[in-house]
């Protein structure tokens, strides 16, 4: 998204603001959204990486704990290893582990592998009426560093990246607050915001996110 398109999007007329099917639809409801101080910016998002699939590969770059939906330990995945999760009667099967839901939580600063990409945070695999959904639980600011690379490029001017960071943070927080889906807050495609994990992060995107920490768009507020 170019900076011109971004500014046009932010300034677009609000006549269709109640149309939640568009990315501009959230703007008029940002009255409630005041700027968040950096000290309170450690918020976690739930991003659906795979949704309604027959199976999904899940792994970790470091040793990872395998937990059931309540957090009870089931086992461990070795570093740089992965297994295929499949739906089973009553829940999810990941290798020898079975539960209604399954967490994979990397140790230290490890990355979680979902589908065919690496992500920060951890993942929850849940059964739905459509199949399996793999949800990446990730810190908001880490999420934004990837989104900026997916929506633009880390090589763009810092002012453009910072404008995108504020808009992307506002949109993500609105979707989180809205709570339209009980399993996840956002998807990972252009229908939401492009989120491809750590491969889209760069020094440029990380700088822009850090420089705008806690900043959001508000309307009449």
C-alpha atoms as a PDB file:
ATOM      1  CA  UNK A   1       0.000   0.000   0.000  1.00  0.00           C
ATOM      2  CA  UNK A   2       1.515   3.348  -1.010  1.00  0.00           C
ATOM      3  CA  UNK A   3       1.521   6.308   1.361  1.00  0.00           C
ATOM      4  CA  UNK A   4      -0.941   8.167  -0.892  1.00  0.00           C
ATOM      5  CA  UNK A   5      -3.353   5.243  -0.793  1.00  0.00           C
ATOM      6  CA  UNK A   6      -2.862   5.009   2.966  1.00  0.00           C
ATOM      7  CA  UNK A   7      -3.714   8.674   3.502  1.00  0.00           C
ATOM      8  CA  UNK A   8      -6.731   8.442   1.211  1.00  0.00           C
ATOM      9  CA  UNK A   9      -7.899   5.417   3.190  1.00  0.00           C
ATOM     10  CA  UNK A  10      -7.522   7.222   6.528  1.00  0.00           C
ATOM     11  CA  UNK A  11      -9.245  10.387   5.256  1.00  0.00           C
ATOM     12  CA  UNK A  12     -11.989   8.662   3.280  1.00  0.00           C
ATOM     13  CA  UNK A  13     -15.582   9.808   3.887  1.00  0.00           C
ATOM     14  CA  UNK A  14     -17.286   8.015   6.746  1.00  0.00           C
ATOM     15  CA  UNK A  15     -20.684   7.601   5.120  1.00  0.00           C
ATOM     16  CA  UNK A  16     -20.041   3.866   4.866  1.00  0.00           C
ATOM     17  CA  UNK A  17     -18.476   3.618   8.297  1.00  0.00           C
ATOM     18  CA  UNK A  18     -20.987   1.081   9.527  1.00  0.00           C
ATOM     19  CA  UNK A  19     -20.087  -1.291   6.715  1.00  0.00           C
ATOM     20  CA  UNK A  20     -17.840  -3.636   8.692  1.00  0.00           C
ATOM     21  CA  UNK A  21     -16.991  -5.617   5.560  1.00  0.00           C
ATOM     22  CA  UNK A  22     -14.513  -2.926   4.459  1.00  0.00           C
ATOM     23  CA  UNK A  23     -11.240  -1.861   6.001  1.00  0.00           C
ATOM     24  CA  UNK A  24     -12.530   1.723   6.292  1.00  0.00           C
ATOM     25  CA  UNK A  25     -15.569   0.567   8.223  1.00  0.00           C
ATOM     26  CA  UNK A  26     -13.771   0.521  11.543  1.00  0.00           C
ATOM     27  CA  UNK A  27     -12.732   4.175  11.538  1.00  0.00           C
ATOM     28  CA  UNK A  28     -15.893   5.772  12.911  1.00  0.00           C
ATOM     29  CA  UNK A  29     -15.871   3.395  15.841  1.00  0.00           C
ATOM     30  CA  UNK A  30     -12.384   4.374  16.952  1.00  0.00           C
ATOM     31  CA  UNK A  31     -13.839   7.033  19.243  1.00  0.00           C
ATOM     32  CA  UNK A  32     -13.321   4.632  22.139  1.00  0.00           C
ATOM     33  CA  UNK A  33      -9.684   4.011  21.204  1.00  0.00           C
ATOM     34  CA  UNK A  34      -7.371   6.367  23.079  1.00  0.00           C
ATOM     35  CA  UNK A  35      -3.605   6.306  22.641  1.00  0.00           C
ATOM     36  CA  UNK A  36      -2.007   3.446  24.543  1.00  0.00           C
ATOM     37  CA  UNK A  37       1.133   4.304  26.468  1.00  0.00           C
ATOM     38  CA  UNK A  38       4.220   2.238  25.563  1.00  0.00           C
ATOM     39  CA  UNK A  39       4.173   0.808  29.090  1.00  0.00           C
ATOM     40  CA  UNK A  40       0.828  -0.819  28.343  1.00  0.00           C
ATOM     41  CA  UNK A  41       1.503  -1.808  24.741  1.00  0.00           C
ATOM     42  CA  UNK A  42       2.331  -5.473  25.445  1.00  0.00           C
ATOM     43  CA  UNK A  43      -0.900  -6.821  24.000  1.00  0.00           C
ATOM     44  CA  UNK A  44      -1.357 -10.261  22.460  1.00  0.00           C
ATOM     45  CA  UNK A  45      -3.201 -10.856  19.204  1.00  0.00           C
ATOM     46  CA  UNK A  46      -4.699 -14.108  17.903  1.00  0.00           C
ATOM     47  CA  UNK A  47      -3.980 -14.530  14.188  1.00  0.00           C
ATOM     48  CA  UNK A  48      -5.503 -17.387  12.183  1.00  0.00           C
ATOM     49  CA  UNK A  49      -2.680 -18.776  10.036  1.00  0.00           C
ATOM     50  CA  UNK A  50      -4.522 -21.860   8.794  1.00  0.00           C
ATOM     51  CA  UNK A  51      -8.313 -21.939   8.989  1.00  0.00           C
ATOM     52  CA  UNK A  52     -10.577 -24.875   8.211  1.00  0.00           C
ATOM     53  CA  UNK A  53      -7.848 -27.209   6.937  1.00  0.00           C
ATOM     54  CA  UNK A  54      -7.653 -31.005   7.017  1.00  0.00           C
ATOM     55  CA  UNK A  55      -4.189 -30.948   8.573  1.00  0.00           C
ATOM     56  CA  UNK A  56      -1.444 -28.496   9.488  1.00  0.00           C
ATOM     57  CA  UNK A  57       2.269 -28.843  10.203  1.00  0.00           C
ATOM     58  CA  UNK A  58       3.374 -27.357  13.531  1.00  0.00           C
ATOM     59  CA  UNK A  59       6.903 -27.213  14.922  1.00  0.00           C
ATOM     60  CA  UNK A  60       9.484 -25.083  16.702  1.00  0.00           C
ATOM     61  CA  UNK A  61      12.987 -23.706  16.237  1.00  0.00           C
ATOM     62  CA  UNK A  62      13.763 -24.459  19.904  1.00  0.00           C
ATOM     63  CA  UNK A  63      12.515 -27.116  22.285  1.00  0.00           C
ATOM     64  CA  UNK A  64       8.774 -26.559  22.664  1.00  0.00           C
ATOM     65  CA  UNK A  65       6.199 -27.585  25.229  1.00  0.00           C
ATOM     66  CA  UNK A  66       3.095 -29.387  23.986  1.00  0.00           C
ATOM     67  CA  UNK A  67       0.112 -28.546  26.192  1.00  0.00           C
ATOM     68  CA  UNK A  68      -3.580 -29.328  26.204  1.00  0.00           C
ATOM     69  CA  UNK A  69      -6.174 -26.565  25.993  1.00  0.00           C
ATOM     70  CA  UNK A  70      -6.025 -25.925  29.738  1.00  0.00           C
ATOM     71  CA  UNK A  71      -2.229 -25.687  29.775  1.00  0.00           C
ATOM     72  CA  UNK A  72      -1.539 -29.180  31.123  1.00  0.00           C
ATOM     73  CA  UNK A  73       1.779 -30.558  29.782  1.00  0.00           C
ATOM     74  CA  UNK A  74       1.495 -33.378  27.253  1.00  0.00           C
ATOM     75  CA  UNK A  75       5.074 -33.615  26.037  1.00  0.00           C
ATOM     76  CA  UNK A  76       7.841 -31.801  24.161  1.00  0.00           C
ATOM     77  CA  UNK A  77       8.871 -31.194  20.578  1.00  0.00           C
ATOM     78  CA  UNK A  78      12.617 -31.222  19.946  1.00  0.00           C
ATOM     79  CA  UNK A  79      14.287 -28.165  18.424  1.00  0.00           C
ATOM     80  CA  UNK A  80      13.912 -27.882  14.633  1.00  0.00           C
ATOM     81  CA  UNK A  81      11.285 -30.601  14.599  1.00  0.00           C
ATOM     82  CA  UNK A  82       7.650 -30.588  13.486  1.00  0.00           C
ATOM     83  CA  UNK A  83       4.586 -32.823  13.367  1.00  0.00           C
ATOM     84  CA  UNK A  84       1.356 -32.845  11.399  1.00  0.00           C
ATOM     85  CA  UNK A  85      -1.767 -32.035  13.394  1.00  0.00           C
ATOM     86  CA  UNK A  86      -4.965 -33.758  12.298  1.00  0.00           C
ATOM     87  CA  UNK A  87      -8.551 -33.667  13.532  1.00  0.00           C
ATOM     88  CA  UNK A  88      -9.572 -36.624  15.644  1.00  0.00           C
ATOM     89  CA  UNK A  89     -12.618 -37.700  17.570  1.00  0.00           C
ATOM     90  CA  UNK A  90     -13.015 -35.150  20.327  1.00  0.00           C
ATOM     91  CA  UNK A  91     -10.285 -32.784  19.228  1.00  0.00           C
ATOM     92  CA  UNK A  92      -6.788 -32.695  17.751  1.00  0.00           C
ATOM     93  CA  UNK A  93      -4.007 -35.254  17.330  1.00  0.00           C
ATOM     94  CA  UNK A  94      -0.388 -34.090  17.077  1.00  0.00           C
ATOM     95  CA  UNK A  95       1.910 -37.096  16.751  1.00  0.00           C
ATOM     96  CA  UNK A  96       1.164 -39.226  19.856  1.00  0.00           C
ATOM     97  CA  UNK A  97      -0.619 -36.420  21.710  1.00  0.00           C
ATOM     98  CA  UNK A  98      -4.379 -35.995  21.626  1.00  0.00           C
ATOM     99  CA  UNK A  99      -6.532 -33.331  23.231  1.00  0.00           C
ATOM    100  CA  UNK A 100      -9.543 -31.115  22.612  1.00  0.00           C
ATOM    101  CA  UNK A 101      -7.078 -28.335  21.755  1.00  0.00           C
ATOM    102  CA  UNK A 102      -3.281 -28.365  21.563  1.00  0.00           C
ATOM    103  CA  UNK A 103      -0.767 -25.636  22.338  1.00  0.00           C
ATOM    104  CA  UNK A 104       2.793 -25.569  20.990  1.00  0.00           C
ATOM    105  CA  UNK A 105       4.909 -23.119  22.973  1.00  0.00           C
ATOM    106  CA  UNK A 106       8.590 -22.652  22.008  1.00  0.00           C
ATOM    107  CA  UNK A 107      11.153 -22.123  24.761  1.00  0.00           C
ATOM    108  CA  UNK A 108      13.294 -18.996  25.013  1.00  0.00           C
ATOM    109  CA  UNK A 109      13.191 -16.820  21.920  1.00  0.00           C
ATOM    110  CA  UNK A 110      12.214 -19.694  19.654  1.00  0.00           C
ATOM    111  CA  UNK A 111       9.927 -19.400  16.655  1.00  0.00           C
ATOM    112  CA  UNK A 112       6.888 -21.547  16.035  1.00  0.00           C
ATOM    113  CA  UNK A 113       6.443 -23.176  12.625  1.00  0.00           C
ATOM    114  CA  UNK A 114       2.898 -23.141  11.222  1.00  0.00           C
ATOM    115  CA  UNK A 115       2.067 -24.462   7.771  1.00  0.00           C
ATOM    116  CA  UNK A 116       5.195 -23.394   5.908  1.00  0.00           C
ATOM    117  CA  UNK A 117       6.397 -20.276   7.733  1.00  0.00           C
ATOM    118  CA  UNK A 118       8.059 -19.212  10.976  1.00  0.00           C
ATOM    119  CA  UNK A 119       6.292 -16.975  13.490  1.00  0.00           C
ATOM    120  CA  UNK A 120       7.007 -15.378  16.835  1.00  0.00           C
ATOM    121  CA  UNK A 121       4.900 -16.355  19.831  1.00  0.00           C
ATOM    122  CA  UNK A 122       3.062 -19.654  20.200  1.00  0.00           C
ATOM    123  CA  UNK A 123       0.269 -21.521  18.458  1.00  0.00           C
ATOM    124  CA  UNK A 124      -3.037 -23.079  19.427  1.00  0.00           C
ATOM    125  CA  UNK A 125      -4.573 -25.734  17.175  1.00  0.00           C
ATOM    126  CA  UNK A 126      -8.325 -26.066  17.586  1.00  0.00           C
ATOM    127  CA  UNK A 127     -10.999 -28.127  15.822  1.00  0.00           C
ATOM    128  CA  UNK A 128     -13.850 -26.232  14.172  1.00  0.00           C
ATOM    129  CA  UNK A 129     -16.819 -27.185  12.036  1.00  0.00           C
ATOM    130  CA  UNK A 130     -14.633 -26.570   8.952  1.00  0.00           C
ATOM    131  CA  UNK A 131     -11.588 -28.571  10.079  1.00  0.00           C
ATOM    132  CA  UNK A 132      -8.545 -27.381  12.014  1.00  0.00           C
ATOM    133  CA  UNK A 133      -7.611 -23.789  12.751  1.00  0.00           C
ATOM    134  CA  UNK A 134      -4.039 -22.916  13.763  1.00  0.00           C
ATOM    135  CA  UNK A 135      -3.898 -19.635  15.662  1.00  0.00           C
ATOM    136  CA  UNK A 136      -0.684 -17.705  16.262  1.00  0.00           C
ATOM    137  CA  UNK A 137      -0.698 -15.892  19.619  1.00  0.00           C
ATOM    138  CA  UNK A 138       1.748 -13.040  19.077  1.00  0.00           C
ATOM    139  CA  UNK A 139       2.683  -9.731  20.684  1.00  0.00           C
ATOM    140  CA  UNK A 140       1.047  -6.794  18.898  1.00  0.00           C
ATOM    141  CA  UNK A 141       4.319  -4.988  18.180  1.00  0.00           C
ATOM    142  CA  UNK A 142       5.979  -8.112  16.766  1.00  0.00           C
ATOM    143  CA  UNK A 143       2.910  -8.644  14.591  1.00  0.00           C
ATOM    144  CA  UNK A 144       3.184  -5.098  13.240  1.00  0.00           C
ATOM    145  CA  UNK A 145       6.857  -5.496  12.297  1.00  0.00           C
ATOM    146  CA  UNK A 146       5.808  -8.332   9.995  1.00  0.00           C
ATOM    147  CA  UNK A 147       2.675  -6.613   8.668  1.00  0.00           C
ATOM    148  CA  UNK A 148       4.651  -3.563   7.564  1.00  0.00           C
ATOM    149  CA  UNK A 149       6.910  -5.798   5.488  1.00  0.00           C
ATOM    150  CA  UNK A 150       3.934  -7.638   4.004  1.00  0.00           C
ATOM    151  CA  UNK A 151       1.851  -4.552   3.223  1.00  0.00           C
ATOM    152  CA  UNK A 152       4.767  -2.375   2.102  1.00  0.00           C
ATOM    153  CA  UNK A 153       8.506  -3.071   2.346  1.00  0.00           C
ATOM    154  CA  UNK A 154      11.159  -2.464   4.936  1.00  0.00           C
ATOM    155  CA  UNK A 155      13.010  -0.366   2.375  1.00  0.00           C
ATOM    156  CA  UNK A 156      10.314   2.311   2.219  1.00  0.00           C
ATOM    157  CA  UNK A 157      11.007   5.735   3.814  1.00  0.00           C
ATOM    158  CA  UNK A 158      10.641   5.668   7.596  1.00  0.00           C
ATOM    159  CA  UNK A 159       7.853   8.274   7.612  1.00  0.00           C
ATOM    160  CA  UNK A 160       5.759   6.105   5.290  1.00  0.00           C
ATOM    161  CA  UNK A 161       6.433   3.027   7.409  1.00  0.00           C
ATOM    162  CA  UNK A 162       5.549   4.905  10.591  1.00  0.00           C
ATOM    163  CA  UNK A 163       2.241   6.061   9.094  1.00  0.00           C
ATOM    164  CA  UNK A 164       1.487   2.479   8.117  1.00  0.00           C
ATOM    165  CA  UNK A 165       2.428   1.257  11.604  1.00  0.00           C
ATOM    166  CA  UNK A 166      -0.081   3.598  13.255  1.00  0.00           C
ATOM    167  CA  UNK A 167      -2.856   2.623  10.838  1.00  0.00           C
ATOM    168  CA  UNK A 168      -2.095  -1.104  11.136  1.00  0.00           C
ATOM    169  CA  UNK A 169      -1.964  -0.934  14.938  1.00  0.00           C
ATOM    170  CA  UNK A 170      -5.315   0.870  15.041  1.00  0.00           C
ATOM    171  CA  UNK A 171      -6.967  -1.660  12.741  1.00  0.00           C
ATOM    172  CA  UNK A 172      -5.589  -4.631  14.672  1.00  0.00           C
ATOM    173  CA  UNK A 173      -6.724  -3.235  18.019  1.00  0.00           C
ATOM    174  CA  UNK A 174     -10.177  -2.504  16.650  1.00  0.00           C
ATOM    175  CA  UNK A 175     -10.536  -6.093  15.436  1.00  0.00           C
ATOM    176  CA  UNK A 176      -9.296  -7.378  18.792  1.00  0.00           C
ATOM    177  CA  UNK A 177     -11.785  -5.223  20.674  1.00  0.00           C
ATOM    178  CA  UNK A 178     -14.620  -6.128  18.336  1.00  0.00           C
ATOM    179  CA  UNK A 179     -14.299  -9.836  19.149  1.00  0.00           C
ATOM    180  CA  UNK A 180     -16.316 -11.043  16.169  1.00  0.00           C
ATOM    181  CA  UNK A 181     -14.712 -14.502  16.265  1.00  0.00           C
ATOM    182  CA  UNK A 182     -14.245 -16.528  19.445  1.00  0.00           C
ATOM    183  CA  UNK A 183     -11.167 -18.341  18.100  1.00  0.00           C
ATOM    184  CA  UNK A 184      -9.100 -15.543  16.522  1.00  0.00           C
ATOM    185  CA  UNK A 185      -8.938 -11.751  16.137  1.00  0.00           C
ATOM    186  CA  UNK A 186      -7.675 -11.486  12.553  1.00  0.00           C
ATOM    187  CA  UNK A 187      -6.691 -13.598   9.587  1.00  0.00           C
ATOM    188  CA  UNK A 188      -3.322 -13.335   7.852  1.00  0.00           C
ATOM    189  CA  UNK A 189      -4.346 -12.376   4.295  1.00  0.00           C
ATOM    190  CA  UNK A 190      -4.925  -9.078   2.478  1.00  0.00           C
ATOM    191  CA  UNK A 191      -8.590  -9.332   3.484  1.00  0.00           C
ATOM    192  CA  UNK A 192      -7.256  -8.373   6.926  1.00  0.00           C
ATOM    193  CA  UNK A 193      -3.585  -7.363   6.939  1.00  0.00           C
ATOM    194  CA  UNK A 194      -0.864  -9.385   5.233  1.00  0.00           C
ATOM    195  CA  UNK A 195       1.026 -11.278   7.933  1.00  0.00           C
ATOM    196  CA  UNK A 196       3.674 -13.787   6.860  1.00  0.00           C
ATOM    197  CA  UNK A 197       5.667 -14.058  10.063  1.00  0.00           C
ATOM    198  CA  UNK A 198       9.328 -13.328  10.679  1.00  0.00           C
ATOM    199  CA  UNK A 199      10.323 -13.474   7.010  1.00  0.00           C
ATOM    200  CA  UNK A 200       8.716 -10.056   6.433  1.00  0.00           C
ATOM    201  CA  UNK A 201      10.414  -8.369   9.386  1.00  0.00           C
ATOM    202  CA  UNK A 202      13.383  -6.080   8.778  1.00  0.00           C
ATOM    203  CA  UNK A 203      15.369  -3.392  10.545  1.00  0.00           C
ATOM    204  CA  UNK A 204      13.222  -0.783   8.782  1.00  0.00           C
ATOM    205  CA  UNK A 205       9.885  -2.224   9.889  1.00  0.00           C
ATOM    206  CA  UNK A 206      11.112  -2.813  13.443  1.00  0.00           C
ATOM    207  CA  UNK A 207      12.340   0.791  13.685  1.00  0.00           C
ATOM    208  CA  UNK A 208       9.004   2.171  12.500  1.00  0.00           C
ATOM    209  CA  UNK A 209       7.039   0.070  14.973  1.00  0.00           C
ATOM    210  CA  UNK A 210       9.304   1.065  17.859  1.00  0.00           C
ATOM    211  CA  UNK A 211       9.146   4.764  16.908  1.00  0.00           C
ATOM    212  CA  UNK A 212       5.323   4.742  16.985  1.00  0.00           C
ATOM    213  CA  UNK A 213       4.855   2.478  20.013  1.00  0.00           C
ATOM    214  CA  UNK A 214       1.427   3.010  21.555  1.00  0.00           C
ATOM    215  CA  UNK A 215       0.208   5.388  18.833  1.00  0.00           C
ATOM    216  CA  UNK A 216      -3.222   4.821  17.271  1.00  0.00           C
ATOM    217  CA  UNK A 217      -5.687   6.694  15.075  1.00  0.00           C
ATOM    218  CA  UNK A 218      -8.745   8.221  16.700  1.00  0.00           C
ATOM    219  CA  UNK A 219     -11.819   9.862  15.201  1.00  0.00           C
ATOM    220  CA  UNK A 220     -13.277  12.915  16.944  1.00  0.00           C
ATOM    221  CA  UNK A 221     -11.271  11.956  19.995  1.00  0.00           C
END
